[in-house]
Structure formats: structure tokens, C-alpha cells
Amino acid sequence: MGQKKLGLAVEVLKLTVEAYPDSFNVYDSLAEAYMNRGDRVLAIKNYEKPLELNPKNFGAAVALAKLKAEEQRDGRSPQAGEKSGVVSSSTHSLLSTSPDLVLILMNDA
């Protein structure tokens, strides 16, 4: 998808999040759009929200863990007000029940 269309997709998804703030799926989609756009900080922020709404959201947990692993690998320090690369308790809980996921993440890092 071109950058222009990706930017438009992000704007539409932001409006969708405003219209449906309790839908974990719209946050997940917005996070994916940010990730595809290369905006890791906003992708992480928006992958954390669907996990708050639905702690069993396996896809968001995987994507969030990968993004945080990349962040740590790249040595990026969080800015003021940002969370560090530490995996949240809901992500940790999901990862602890799925050892295969941990292996996949380790191989992708």
C-alpha cells in the first residue's frame, strides 16, 4: 500500500476508534497501520489498548512483543510518558501460556 493510502487509512481508523472506543479490533487495525507506516511508538501504544480490552487477543500480543523486542534490540530509549520495552502483565500472561510463541518471537528478533 502506498504511503498516501496508508496515511488515509490511519486517519479513517482513528475516526473508527473514536466511534467504537470499546472495540479491541479497531485498535488492533490502527496499530497495524501504524506499524506498516513505520511508527513503532504509536503501533505499540495502539497494540496495548486491545490487550486491555481483550487480554486473550493473541495477534496483538504477538505483534506487541515483536515491536518491543525490536525496540530493545535497536536500543531506543522511551521518551517521557512512554512505556519502556517491558512486556505488560497481560502480554506476559498470554506468552506464558504459549511457549511456542516465545520460540517464534526469539527466532524473529
PDB file of N, CA and C in Angstrom:
ATOM      1  N   MET A   1       0.862  -1.176   0.000  1.00  0.00           N
ATOM      2  CA  MET A   1       0.000   0.000   0.000  1.00  0.00           C
ATOM      3  C   MET A   1       0.904   1.234   0.000  1.00  0.00           C
ATOM      4  N   GLY A   2       0.600   2.195  -0.830  1.00  0.00           N
ATOM      5  CA  GLY A   2       1.391   3.411  -0.889  1.00  0.00           C
ATOM      6  C   GLY A   2       1.280   4.233   0.380  1.00  0.00           C
ATOM      7  N   GLN A   3       2.274   5.070   0.623  1.00  0.00           N
ATOM      8  CA  GLN A   3       2.282   5.896   1.841  1.00  0.00           C
ATOM      9  C   GLN A   3       1.063   6.811   1.911  1.00  0.00           C
ATOM     10  N   LYS A   4       0.627   7.332   0.760  1.00  0.00           N
ATOM     11  CA  LYS A   4      -0.536   8.218   0.748  1.00  0.00           C
ATOM     12  C   LYS A   4      -1.782   7.467   1.204  1.00  0.00           C
ATOM     13  N   LYS A   5      -1.974   6.264   0.666  1.00  0.00           N
ATOM     14  CA  LYS A   5      -3.132   5.456   1.057  1.00  0.00           C
ATOM     15  C   LYS A   5      -3.010   4.995   2.499  1.00  0.00           C
ATOM     16  N   LEU A   6      -1.795   4.713   2.940  1.00  0.00           N
ATOM     17  CA  LEU A   6      -1.588   4.285   4.320  1.00  0.00           C
ATOM     18  C   LEU A   6      -1.918   5.424   5.282  1.00  0.00           C
ATOM     19  N   GLY A   7      -1.521   6.641   4.905  1.00  0.00           N
ATOM     20  CA  GLY A   7      -1.865   7.806   5.725  1.00  0.00           C
ATOM     21  C   GLY A   7      -3.361   8.003   5.817  1.00  0.00           C
ATOM     22  N   LEU A   8      -4.050   7.811   4.711  1.00  0.00           N
ATOM     23  CA  LEU A   8      -5.503   7.924   4.694  1.00  0.00           C
ATOM     24  C   LEU A   8      -6.130   6.829   5.551  1.00  0.00           C
ATOM     25  N   ALA A   9      -5.590   5.623   5.441  1.00  0.00           N
ATOM     26  CA  ALA A   9      -6.102   4.511   6.250  1.00  0.00           C
ATOM     27  C   ALA A   9      -5.965   4.817   7.738  1.00  0.00           C
ATOM     28  N   VAL A  10      -4.824   5.386   8.143  1.00  0.00           N
ATOM     29  CA  VAL A  10      -4.621   5.742   9.551  1.00  0.00           C
ATOM     30  C   VAL A  10      -5.672   6.754   9.994  1.00  0.00           C
ATOM     31  N   GLU A  11      -5.926   7.762   9.168  1.00  0.00           N
ATOM     32  CA  GLU A  11      -6.920   8.781   9.531  1.00  0.00           C
ATOM     33  C   GLU A  11      -8.319   8.178   9.669  1.00  0.00           C
ATOM     34  N   VAL A  12      -8.692   7.296   8.761  1.00  0.00           N
ATOM     35  CA  VAL A  12     -10.000   6.633   8.833  1.00  0.00           C
ATOM     36  C   VAL A  12     -10.079   5.755  10.085  1.00  0.00           C
ATOM     37  N   LEU A  13      -9.016   5.032  10.368  1.00  0.00           N
ATOM     38  CA  LEU A  13      -9.017   4.155  11.544  1.00  0.00           C
ATOM     39  C   LEU A  13      -9.057   4.963  12.841  1.00  0.00           C
ATOM     40  N   LYS A  14      -8.424   6.125  12.864  1.00  0.00           N
ATOM     41  CA  LYS A  14      -8.508   6.985  14.060  1.00  0.00           C
ATOM     42  C   LYS A  14      -9.949   7.419  14.299  1.00  0.00           C
ATOM     43  N   LEU A  15     -10.672   7.738  13.238  1.00  0.00           N
ATOM     44  CA  LEU A  15     -12.092   8.088  13.372  1.00  0.00           C
ATOM     45  C   LEU A  15     -12.907   6.885  13.826  1.00  0.00           C
ATOM     46  N   THR A  16     -12.557   5.718  13.341  1.00  0.00           N
ATOM     47  CA  THR A  16     -13.252   4.491  13.735  1.00  0.00           C
ATOM     48  C   THR A  16     -13.035   4.201  15.217  1.00  0.00           C
ATOM     49  N   VAL A  17     -11.809   4.437  15.702  1.00  0.00           N
ATOM     50  CA  VAL A  17     -11.520   4.259  17.133  1.00  0.00           C
ATOM     51  C   VAL A  17     -12.380   5.213  17.961  1.00  0.00           C
ATOM     52  N   GLU A  18     -12.527   6.458  17.483  1.00  0.00           N
ATOM     53  CA  GLU A  18     -13.376   7.422  18.202  1.00  0.00           C
ATOM     54  C   GLU A  18     -14.833   6.955  18.234  1.00  0.00           C
ATOM     55  N   ALA A  19     -15.299   6.386  17.131  1.00  0.00           N
ATOM     56  CA  ALA A  19     -16.688   5.939  17.045  1.00  0.00           C
ATOM     57  C   ALA A  19     -16.941   4.659  17.839  1.00  0.00           C
ATOM     58  N   TYR A  20     -15.915   3.803  17.935  1.00  0.00           N
ATOM     59  CA  TYR A  20     -16.057   2.494  18.609  1.00  0.00           C
ATOM     60  C   TYR A  20     -14.919   2.282  19.607  1.00  0.00           C
ATOM     61  N   PRO A  21     -14.867   3.089  20.673  1.00  0.00           N
ATOM     62  CA  PRO A  21     -13.737   3.013  21.612  1.00  0.00           C
ATOM     63  C   PRO A  21     -13.658   1.719  22.420  1.00  0.00           C
ATOM     64  N   ASP A  22     -14.718   0.935  22.431  1.00  0.00           N
ATOM     65  CA  ASP A  22     -14.703  -0.319  23.190  1.00  0.00           C
ATOM     66  C   ASP A  22     -14.418  -1.535  22.311  1.00  0.00           C
ATOM     67  N   SER A  23     -14.109  -1.298  21.041  1.00  0.00           N
ATOM     68  CA  SER A  23     -13.825  -2.395  20.117  1.00  0.00           C
ATOM     69  C   SER A  23     -12.325  -2.632  20.053  1.00  0.00           C
ATOM     70  N   PHE A  24     -11.898  -3.779  20.561  1.00  0.00           N
ATOM     71  CA  PHE A  24     -10.467  -4.077  20.534  1.00  0.00           C
ATOM     72  C   PHE A  24      -9.965  -4.202  19.100  1.00  0.00           C
ATOM     73  N   ASN A  25     -10.828  -4.624  18.190  1.00  0.00           N
ATOM     74  CA  ASN A  25     -10.415  -4.871  16.819  1.00  0.00           C
ATOM     75  C   ASN A  25      -9.996  -3.593  16.089  1.00  0.00           C
ATOM     76  N   VAL A  26     -10.665  -2.474  16.370  1.00  0.00           N
ATOM     77  CA  VAL A  26     -10.291  -1.240  15.663  1.00  0.00           C
ATOM     78  C   VAL A  26      -8.930  -0.726  16.136  1.00  0.00           C
ATOM     79  N   TYR A  27      -8.632  -0.896  17.422  1.00  0.00           N
ATOM     80  CA  TYR A  27      -7.301  -0.509  17.919  1.00  0.00           C
ATOM     81  C   TYR A  27      -6.226  -1.394  17.290  1.00  0.00           C
ATOM     82  N   ASP A  28      -6.541  -2.671  17.160  1.00  0.00           N
ATOM     83  CA  ASP A  28      -5.616  -3.616  16.550  1.00  0.00           C
ATOM     84  C   ASP A  28      -5.321  -3.206  15.103  1.00  0.00           C
ATOM     85  N   SER A  29      -6.370  -2.823  14.371  1.00  0.00           N
ATOM     86  CA  SER A  29      -6.194  -2.401  12.980  1.00  0.00           C
ATOM     87  C   SER A  29      -5.395  -1.107  12.883  1.00  0.00           C
ATOM     88  N   LEU A  30      -5.668  -0.170  13.779  1.00  0.00           N
ATOM     89  CA  LEU A  30      -4.924   1.086  13.785  1.00  0.00           C
ATOM     90  C   LEU A  30      -3.451   0.835  14.114  1.00  0.00           C
ATOM     91  N   ALA A  31      -3.202  -0.034  15.069  1.00  0.00           N
ATOM     92  CA  ALA A  31      -1.824  -0.378  15.422  1.00  0.00           C
ATOM     93  C   ALA A  31      -1.095  -0.987  14.236  1.00  0.00           C
ATOM     94  N   GLU A  32      -1.773  -1.867  13.512  1.00  0.00           N
ATOM     95  CA  GLU A  32      -1.152  -2.484  12.342  1.00  0.00           C
ATOM     96  C   GLU A  32      -0.828  -1.439  11.276  1.00  0.00           C
ATOM     97  N   ALA A  33      -1.728  -0.475  11.096  1.00  0.00           N
ATOM     98  CA  ALA A  33      -1.475   0.589  10.117  1.00  0.00           C
ATOM     99  C   ALA A  33      -0.264   1.421  10.537  1.00  0.00           C
ATOM    100  N   TYR A  34      -0.178   1.758  11.831  1.00  0.00           N
ATOM    101  CA  TYR A  34       0.994   2.499  12.320  1.00  0.00           C
ATOM    102  C   TYR A  34       2.270   1.680  12.115  1.00  0.00           C
ATOM    103  N   MET A  35       2.185   0.392  12.385  1.00  0.00           N
ATOM    104  CA  MET A  35       3.352  -0.463  12.220  1.00  0.00           C
ATOM    105  C   MET A  35       3.791  -0.477  10.750  1.00  0.00           C
ATOM    106  N   ASN A  36       2.846  -0.607   9.836  1.00  0.00           N
ATOM    107  CA  ASN A  36       3.163  -0.618   8.413  1.00  0.00           C
ATOM    108  C   ASN A  36       3.718   0.718   7.941  1.00  0.00           C
ATOM    109  N   ARG A  37       3.334   1.771   8.637  1.00  0.00           N
ATOM    110  CA  ARG A  37       3.823   3.115   8.308  1.00  0.00           C
ATOM    111  C   ARG A  37       5.208   3.357   8.906  1.00  0.00           C
ATOM    112  N   GLY A  38       5.624   2.467   9.804  1.00  0.00           N
ATOM    113  CA  GLY A  38       6.940   2.589  10.425  1.00  0.00           C
ATOM    114  C   GLY A  38       6.937   3.389  11.713  1.00  0.00           C
ATOM    115  N   ASP A  39       5.771   3.629  12.278  1.00  0.00           N
ATOM    116  CA  ASP A  39       5.660   4.400  13.519  1.00  0.00           C
ATOM    117  C   ASP A  39       5.518   3.434  14.692  1.00  0.00           C
ATOM    118  N   ARG A  40       6.669   2.966  15.185  1.00  0.00           N
ATOM    119  CA  ARG A  40       6.704   1.943  16.218  1.00  0.00           C
ATOM    120  C   ARG A  40       6.060   2.406  17.530  1.00  0.00           C
ATOM    121  N   VAL A  41       6.298   3.657  17.932  1.00  0.00           N
ATOM    122  CA  VAL A  41       5.767   4.151  19.212  1.00  0.00           C
ATOM    123  C   VAL A  41       4.237   4.111  19.211  1.00  0.00           C
ATOM    124  N   LEU A  42       3.623   4.627  18.141  1.00  0.00           N
ATOM    125  CA  LEU A  42       2.162   4.611  18.079  1.00  0.00           C
ATOM    126  C   LEU A  42       1.618   3.201  17.864  1.00  0.00           C
ATOM    127  N   ALA A  43       2.353   2.372  17.159  1.00  0.00           N
ATOM    128  CA  ALA A  43       1.931   0.976  16.993  1.00  0.00           C
ATOM    129  C   ALA A  43       1.893   0.276  18.352  1.00  0.00           C
ATOM    130  N   ILE A  44       2.943   0.457  19.141  1.00  0.00           N
ATOM    131  CA  ILE A  44       2.985  -0.154  20.477  1.00  0.00           C
ATOM    132  C   ILE A  44       1.822   0.343  21.328  1.00  0.00           C
ATOM    133  N   LYS A  45       1.626   1.647  21.347  1.00  0.00           N
ATOM    134  CA  LYS A  45       0.540   2.233  22.143  1.00  0.00           C
ATOM    135  C   LYS A  45      -0.807   1.642  21.745  1.00  0.00           C
ATOM    136  N   ASN A  46      -1.016   1.494  20.443  1.00  0.00           N
ATOM    137  CA  ASN A  46      -2.308   1.005  19.979  1.00  0.00           C
ATOM    138  C   ASN A  46      -2.440  -0.508  20.024  1.00  0.00           C
ATOM    139  N   TYR A  47      -1.360  -1.245  20.160  1.00  0.00           N
ATOM    140  CA  TYR A  47      -1.458  -2.687  20.405  1.00  0.00           C
ATOM    141  C   TYR A  47      -1.693  -2.965  21.901  1.00  0.00           C
ATOM    142  N   GLU A  48      -1.320  -2.036  22.767  1.00  0.00           N
ATOM    143  CA  GLU A  48      -1.570  -2.223  24.203  1.00  0.00           C
ATOM    144  C   GLU A  48      -3.059  -2.087  24.526  1.00  0.00           C
ATOM    145  N   LYS A  49      -3.731  -1.183  23.832  1.00  0.00           N
ATOM    146  CA  LYS A  49      -5.152  -0.942  24.115  1.00  0.00           C
ATOM    147  C   LYS A  49      -6.034  -2.170  23.848  1.00  0.00           C
ATOM    148  N   PRO A  50      -5.897  -2.859  22.704  1.00  0.00           N
ATOM    149  CA  PRO A  50      -6.769  -4.027  22.528  1.00  0.00           C
ATOM    150  C   PRO A  50      -6.490  -5.132  23.544  1.00  0.00           C
ATOM    151  N   LEU A  51      -5.267  -5.174  24.058  1.00  0.00           N
ATOM    152  CA  LEU A  51      -4.973  -6.172  25.094  1.00  0.00           C
ATOM    153  C   LEU A  51      -5.627  -5.809  26.419  1.00  0.00           C
ATOM    154  N   GLU A  52      -5.816  -4.509  26.665  1.00  0.00           N
ATOM    155  CA  GLU A  52      -6.569  -4.098  27.857  1.00  0.00           C
ATOM    156  C   GLU A  52      -8.033  -4.515  27.706  1.00  0.00           C
ATOM    157  N   LEU A  53      -8.566  -4.333  26.494  1.00  0.00           N
ATOM    158  CA  LEU A  53      -9.973  -4.654  26.242  1.00  0.00           C
ATOM    159  C   LEU A  53     -10.217  -6.151  26.097  1.00  0.00           C
ATOM    160  N   ASN A  54      -9.228  -6.865  25.555  1.00  0.00           N
ATOM    161  CA  ASN A  54      -9.352  -8.312  25.337  1.00  0.00           C
ATOM    162  C   ASN A  54      -7.988  -8.961  25.575  1.00  0.00           C
ATOM    163  N   PRO A  55      -7.690  -9.330  26.825  1.00  0.00           N
ATOM    164  CA  PRO A  55      -6.376  -9.897  27.154  1.00  0.00           C
ATOM    165  C   PRO A  55      -6.035 -11.184  26.397  1.00  0.00           C
ATOM    166  N   LYS A  56      -7.005 -11.814  25.750  1.00  0.00           N
ATOM    167  CA  LYS A  56      -6.739 -13.052  25.005  1.00  0.00           C
ATOM    168  C   LYS A  56      -6.499 -12.784  23.516  1.00  0.00           C
ATOM    169  N   ASN A  57      -6.284 -11.536  23.158  1.00  0.00           N
ATOM    170  CA  ASN A  57      -6.045 -11.159  21.761  1.00  0.00           C
ATOM    171  C   ASN A  57      -4.625 -11.580  21.379  1.00  0.00           C
ATOM    172  N   PHE A  58      -4.514 -12.795  20.883  1.00  0.00           N
ATOM    173  CA  PHE A  58      -3.229 -13.409  20.576  1.00  0.00           C
ATOM    174  C   PHE A  58      -2.445 -12.611  19.533  1.00  0.00           C
ATOM    175  N   GLY A  59      -3.124 -12.149  18.497  1.00  0.00           N
ATOM    176  CA  GLY A  59      -2.461 -11.399  17.435  1.00  0.00           C
ATOM    177  C   GLY A  59      -1.823 -10.121  17.940  1.00  0.00           C
ATOM    178  N   ALA A  60      -2.537  -9.383  18.782  1.00  0.00           N
ATOM    179  CA  ALA A  60      -1.994  -8.144  19.342  1.00  0.00           C
ATOM    180  C   ALA A  60      -0.820  -8.448  20.264  1.00  0.00           C
ATOM    181  N   ALA A  61      -0.922  -9.523  21.030  1.00  0.00           N
ATOM    182  CA  ALA A  61       0.169  -9.896  21.938  1.00  0.00           C
ATOM    183  C   ALA A  61       1.439 -10.223  21.162  1.00  0.00           C
ATOM    184  N   VAL A  62       1.289 -10.951  20.064  1.00  0.00           N
ATOM    185  CA  VAL A  62       2.440 -11.317  19.236  1.00  0.00           C
ATOM    186  C   VAL A  62       3.068 -10.064  18.632  1.00  0.00           C
ATOM    187  N   ALA A  63       2.233  -9.225  18.019  1.00  0.00           N
ATOM    188  CA  ALA A  63       2.747  -8.014  17.381  1.00  0.00           C
ATOM    189  C   ALA A  63       3.410  -7.088  18.397  1.00  0.00           C
ATOM    190  N   LEU A  64       2.794  -6.940  19.565  1.00  0.00           N
ATOM    191  CA  LEU A  64       3.348  -6.080  20.601  1.00  0.00           C
ATOM    192  C   LEU A  64       4.687  -6.611  21.096  1.00  0.00           C
ATOM    193  N   ALA A  65       4.764  -7.891  21.324  1.00  0.00           N
ATOM    194  CA  ALA A  65       6.021  -8.480  21.784  1.00  0.00           C
ATOM    195  C   ALA A  65       7.125  -8.305  20.739  1.00  0.00           C
ATOM    196  N   LYS A  66       6.789  -8.475  19.464  1.00  0.00           N
ATOM    197  CA  LYS A  66       7.781  -8.276  18.399  1.00  0.00           C
ATOM    198  C   LYS A  66       8.251  -6.826  18.349  1.00  0.00           C
ATOM    199  N   LEU A  67       7.312  -5.890  18.416  1.00  0.00           N
ATOM    200  CA  LEU A  67       7.673  -4.469  18.368  1.00  0.00           C
ATOM    201  C   LEU A  67       8.553  -4.078  19.547  1.00  0.00           C
ATOM    202  N   LYS A  68       8.221  -4.582  20.723  1.00  0.00           N
ATOM    203  CA  LYS A  68       9.020  -4.243  21.899  1.00  0.00           C
ATOM    204  C   LYS A  68      10.402  -4.893  21.834  1.00  0.00           C
ATOM    205  N   ALA A  69      10.465  -6.091  21.265  1.00  0.00           N
ATOM    206  CA  ALA A  69      11.768  -6.740  21.088  1.00  0.00           C
ATOM    207  C   ALA A  69      12.619  -5.948  20.102  1.00  0.00           C
ATOM    208  N   GLU A  70      12.007  -5.468  19.021  1.00  0.00           N
ATOM    209  CA  GLU A  70      12.731  -4.638  18.054  1.00  0.00           C
ATOM    210  C   GLU A  70      13.215  -3.343  18.708  1.00  0.00           C
ATOM    211  N   GLU A  71      12.345  -2.769  19.522  1.00  0.00           N
ATOM    212  CA  GLU A  71      12.683  -1.530  20.207  1.00  0.00           C
ATOM    213  C   GLU A  71      13.897  -1.728  21.112  1.00  0.00           C
ATOM    214  N   GLN A  72      13.903  -2.816  21.850  1.00  0.00           N
ATOM    215  CA  GLN A  72      15.036  -3.106  22.726  1.00  0.00           C
ATOM    216  C   GLN A  72      16.285  -3.419  21.922  1.00  0.00           C
ATOM    217  N   ARG A  73      16.128  -4.172  20.845  1.00  0.00           N
ATOM    218  CA  ARG A  73      17.267  -4.526  20.005  1.00  0.00           C
ATOM    219  C   ARG A  73      17.894  -3.281  19.378  1.00  0.00           C
ATOM    220  N   ASP A  74      17.058  -2.334  18.984  1.00  0.00           N
ATOM    221  CA  ASP A  74      17.552  -1.112  18.356  1.00  0.00           C
ATOM    222  C   ASP A  74      18.106  -0.126  19.379  1.00  0.00           C
ATOM    223  N   GLY A  75      17.902  -0.431  20.662  1.00  0.00           N
ATOM    224  CA  GLY A  75      18.447   0.412  21.720  1.00  0.00           C
ATOM    225  C   GLY A  75      17.732   1.735  21.893  1.00  0.00           C
ATOM    226  N   ARG A  76      16.500   1.804  21.455  1.00  0.00           N
ATOM    227  CA  ARG A  76      15.746   3.043  21.585  1.00  0.00           C
ATOM    228  C   ARG A  76      15.239   3.186  23.009  1.00  0.00           C
ATOM    229  N   SER A  77      15.510   4.341  23.605  1.00  0.00           N
ATOM    230  CA  SER A  77      15.006   4.629  24.940  1.00  0.00           C
ATOM    231  C   SER A  77      13.647   5.285  24.819  1.00  0.00           C
ATOM    232  N   PRO A  78      12.694   4.900  25.678  1.00  0.00           N
ATOM    233  CA  PRO A  78      11.379   5.528  25.604  1.00  0.00           C
ATOM    234  C   PRO A  78      11.465   7.011  25.973  1.00  0.00           C
ATOM    235  N   GLN A  79      10.631   7.808  25.344  1.00  0.00           N
ATOM    236  CA  GLN A  79      10.551   9.230  25.641  1.00  0.00           C
ATOM    237  C   GLN A  79       9.684   9.424  26.879  1.00  0.00           C
ATOM    238  N   ALA A  80       9.686  10.637  27.406  1.00  0.00           N
ATOM    239  CA  ALA A  80       8.883  10.947  28.590  1.00  0.00           C
ATOM    240  C   ALA A  80       7.431  10.565  28.354  1.00  0.00           C
ATOM    241  N   GLY A  81       6.852   9.849  29.280  1.00  0.00           N
ATOM    242  CA  GLY A  81       5.463   9.442  29.198  1.00  0.00           C
ATOM    243  C   GLY A  81       5.233   8.138  28.462  1.00  0.00           C
ATOM    244  N   GLU A  82       6.257   7.613  27.801  1.00  0.00           N
ATOM    245  CA  GLU A  82       6.125   6.348  27.090  1.00  0.00           C
ATOM    246  C   GLU A  82       6.473   5.191  28.012  1.00  0.00           C
ATOM    247  N   LYS A  83       5.901   4.053  27.723  1.00  0.00           N
ATOM    248  CA  LYS A  83       6.253   2.854  28.464  1.00  0.00           C
ATOM    249  C   LYS A  83       7.554   2.308  27.914  1.00  0.00           C
ATOM    250  N   SER A  84       8.282   1.623  28.752  1.00  0.00           N
ATOM    251  CA  SER A  84       9.530   1.014  28.297  1.00  0.00           C
ATOM    252  C   SER A  84       9.213  -0.231  27.487  1.00  0.00           C
ATOM    253  N   GLY A  85      10.229  -0.925  27.030  1.00  0.00           N
ATOM    254  CA  GLY A  85      10.059  -2.129  26.246  1.00  0.00           C
ATOM    255  C   GLY A  85       9.644  -3.329  27.070  1.00  0.00           C
ATOM    256  N   VAL A  86       9.320  -3.125  28.324  1.00  0.00           N
ATOM    257  CA  VAL A  86       8.919  -4.223  29.196  1.00  0.00           C
ATOM    258  C   VAL A  86       7.553  -4.729  28.763  1.00  0.00           C
ATOM    259  N   VAL A  87       7.414  -6.015  28.711  1.00  0.00           N
ATOM    260  CA  VAL A  87       6.153  -6.635  28.300  1.00  0.00           C
ATOM    261  C   VAL A  87       5.136  -6.471  29.420  1.00  0.00           C
ATOM    262  N   SER A  88       3.925  -6.054  29.068  1.00  0.00           N
ATOM    263  CA  SER A  88       2.873  -5.840  30.055  1.00  0.00           C
ATOM    264  C   SER A  88       2.459  -7.153  30.702  1.00  0.00           C
ATOM    265  N   SER A  89       1.769  -7.051  31.823  1.00  0.00           N
ATOM    266  CA  SER A  89       1.364  -8.262  32.540  1.00  0.00           C
ATOM    267  C   SER A  89       0.387  -9.099  31.719  1.00  0.00           C
ATOM    268  N   SER A  90      -0.509  -8.447  30.957  1.00  0.00           N
ATOM    269  CA  SER A  90      -1.451  -9.236  30.151  1.00  0.00           C
ATOM    270  C   SER A  90      -0.716  -9.950  29.014  1.00  0.00           C
ATOM    271  N   THR A  91       0.279  -9.284  28.411  1.00  0.00           N
ATOM    272  CA  THR A  91       1.069  -9.938  27.368  1.00  0.00           C
ATOM    273  C   THR A  91       1.889 -11.060  27.962  1.00  0.00           C
ATOM    274  N   HIS A  92       2.492 -10.809  29.117  1.00  0.00           N
ATOM    275  CA  HIS A  92       3.294 -11.833  29.786  1.00  0.00           C
ATOM    276  C   HIS A  92       2.444 -13.051  30.111  1.00  0.00           C
ATOM    277  N   SER A  93       1.230 -12.814  30.589  1.00  0.00           N
ATOM    278  CA  SER A  93       0.329 -13.915  30.922  1.00  0.00           C
ATOM    279  C   SER A  93       0.016 -14.749  29.682  1.00  0.00           C
ATOM    280  N   LEU A  94      -0.267 -14.080  28.567  1.00  0.00           N
ATOM    281  CA  LEU A  94      -0.571 -14.792  27.336  1.00  0.00           C
ATOM    282  C   LEU A  94       0.645 -15.553  26.827  1.00  0.00           C
ATOM    283  N   LEU A  95       1.815 -14.926  26.889  1.00  0.00           N
ATOM    284  CA  LEU A  95       3.032 -15.578  26.421  1.00  0.00           C
ATOM    285  C   LEU A  95       3.381 -16.786  27.286  1.00  0.00           C
ATOM    286  N   SER A  96       3.112 -16.698  28.591  1.00  0.00           N
ATOM    287  CA  SER A  96       3.466 -17.806  29.478  1.00  0.00           C
ATOM    288  C   SER A  96       2.604 -19.037  29.223  1.00  0.00           C
ATOM    289  N   THR A  97       1.432 -18.831  28.617  1.00  0.00           N
ATOM    290  CA  THR A  97       0.573 -19.978  28.317  1.00  0.00           C
ATOM    291  C   THR A  97       0.844 -20.547  26.930  1.00  0.00           C
ATOM    292  N   SER A  98       1.747 -19.902  26.191  1.00  0.00           N
ATOM    293  CA  SER A  98       2.035 -20.339  24.831  1.00  0.00           C
ATOM    294  C   SER A  98       3.538 -20.354  24.586  1.00  0.00           C
ATOM    295  N   PRO A  99       4.243 -21.397  25.042  1.00  0.00           N
ATOM    296  CA  PRO A  99       5.689 -21.455  24.881  1.00  0.00           C
ATOM    297  C   PRO A  99       6.146 -21.435  23.426  1.00  0.00           C
ATOM    298  N   ASP A 100       5.322 -21.936  22.508  1.00  0.00           N
ATOM    299  CA  ASP A 100       5.693 -21.907  21.091  1.00  0.00           C
ATOM    300  C   ASP A 100       5.809 -20.472  20.593  1.00  0.00           C
ATOM    301  N   LEU A 101       4.954 -19.598  21.101  1.00  0.00           N
ATOM    302  CA  LEU A 101       5.004 -18.196  20.718  1.00  0.00           C
ATOM    303  C   LEU A 101       6.331 -17.573  21.124  1.00  0.00           C
ATOM    304  N   VAL A 102       6.797 -17.897  22.302  1.00  0.00           N
ATOM    305  CA  VAL A 102       8.075 -17.367  22.779  1.00  0.00           C
ATOM    306  C   VAL A 102       9.197 -17.785  21.840  1.00  0.00           C
ATOM    307  N   LEU A 103       9.183 -19.033  21.404  1.00  0.00           N
ATOM    308  CA  LEU A 103      10.202 -19.510  20.466  1.00  0.00           C
ATOM    309  C   LEU A 103      10.124 -18.783  19.125  1.00  0.00           C
ATOM    310  N   ILE A 104       8.919 -18.541  18.641  1.00  0.00           N
ATOM    311  CA  ILE A 104       8.740 -17.813  17.388  1.00  0.00           C
ATOM    312  C   ILE A 104       9.304 -16.408  17.516  1.00  0.00           C
ATOM    313  N   LEU A 105       8.983 -15.750  18.624  1.00  0.00           N
ATOM    314  CA  LEU A 105       9.476 -14.388  18.834  1.00  0.00           C
ATOM    315  C   LEU A 105      10.979 -14.335  18.954  1.00  0.00           C
ATOM    316  N   MET A 106      11.547 -15.310  19.610  1.00  0.00           N
ATOM    317  CA  MET A 106      13.011 -15.340  19.770  1.00  0.00           C
ATOM    318  C   MET A 106      13.682 -15.524  18.415  1.00  0.00           C
ATOM    319  N   ASN A 107      13.114 -16.337  17.553  1.00  0.00           N
ATOM    320  CA  ASN A 107      13.687 -16.561  16.242  1.00  0.00           C
ATOM    321  C   ASN A 107      13.529 -15.366  15.322  1.00  0.00           C
ATOM    322  N   ASP A 108      12.479 -14.573  15.522  1.00  0.00           N
ATOM    323  CA  ASP A 108      12.249 -13.407  14.675  1.00  0.00           C
ATOM    324  C   ASP A 108      13.050 -12.192  15.113  1.00  0.00           C
ATOM    325  N   ALA A 109      13.490 -12.175  16.359  1.00  0.00           N
ATOM    326  CA  ALA A 109      14.181 -10.982  16.891  1.00  0.00           C
ATOM    327  C   ALA A 109      15.561 -10.818  16.296  1.00  0.00           C
TER     328      ALA A 109
END
